[in-house]
Amino acid sequence: MMKKNFFALTILAAAFGLASCNPDDPTGGKTPAAADLDYSSENATAWHNYMTQVASLLKDDAATLYAAWSESYEGGAAYAESFKNHTWSSDKKAVAGIEQIIDGCITIAEDTWNAVVTQYVDHVVMPTYLALKEKNETLYNKVKELAATPSNEAFEAACNAWLEAREPWEMSEAFLFGPVDALGLDPNLDSWPLDQDAIVQILTSSDWGALEWTEDSEAEAAQSVRGFHTLEYLLFKDGKPRRVK
């Protein structure tokens, strides 16, 4: 008797599951744990869209950061020029930044100071941010190629591009002052830890507006579902490129 009841309950549970399944929901009406979620044919479209959105934001943020240093910052001169000329505007953290460069050194002459600052900006900061901009453009293109033609090779190419784009960012963490701080670009690009449950919800709902923020009160929630580490979660599984199944 128990076996018959168990069998009947199993049939009823299966029938309920089929009846509750939404064909427009890539998770089949369920919200799996973030650690268990994997790329599949059922969620591929949403997965591709999410990767592309995040890669596009990374590309735009890297371009914004480089433009602030090389073209114009806060409607004025390029931040690189203001920094070299010691004419910072609202960003007083730049003062602390340059002090860190010569921390522990004896007082030096002004011409030597200027030479050090110029060398630092022109040969360290600017090439690093230019590489960040260019490599994130490449990353975006590789993610778009993956979305257009999914394959294991495309996943590997996008993962390699992520590693390449990550390198100049890691280098730039030696000078997290100026526009990268004032414009909220550091957490935009590199927020950690992620809100993995929110990432799964966005993947299910395709609510890409959740990745954007305009008010400071919205920033933390948006930044925890975008950036390098969110794209890492979408591209990699256990440290290796995800696989097409």
Foldseek 3Di string as FASTA:
>chain_A
DVVVVVVVVVVVVVVVLVVQFDLLFLVRNDQDDLLPDADAPSLLLLLLVLLLLQLVLQLVLLVVVLCQQCQHNPNHGRVLVCLLVVNDDPFPVSVVQLCVVQPPHDDDDPVVSSVVSNCCCPPQVNVLSVQLNVLSVVLSVLSNVCSVPPFLVSLQSNVVSLVSNVVSVVSCVSRCGDCCPVVVVCLQADNPDAPSSVLSVCSRVVPSVLLDDDDPVSPVRNSRCHHSVNSCSSQDRPRHGGGYD
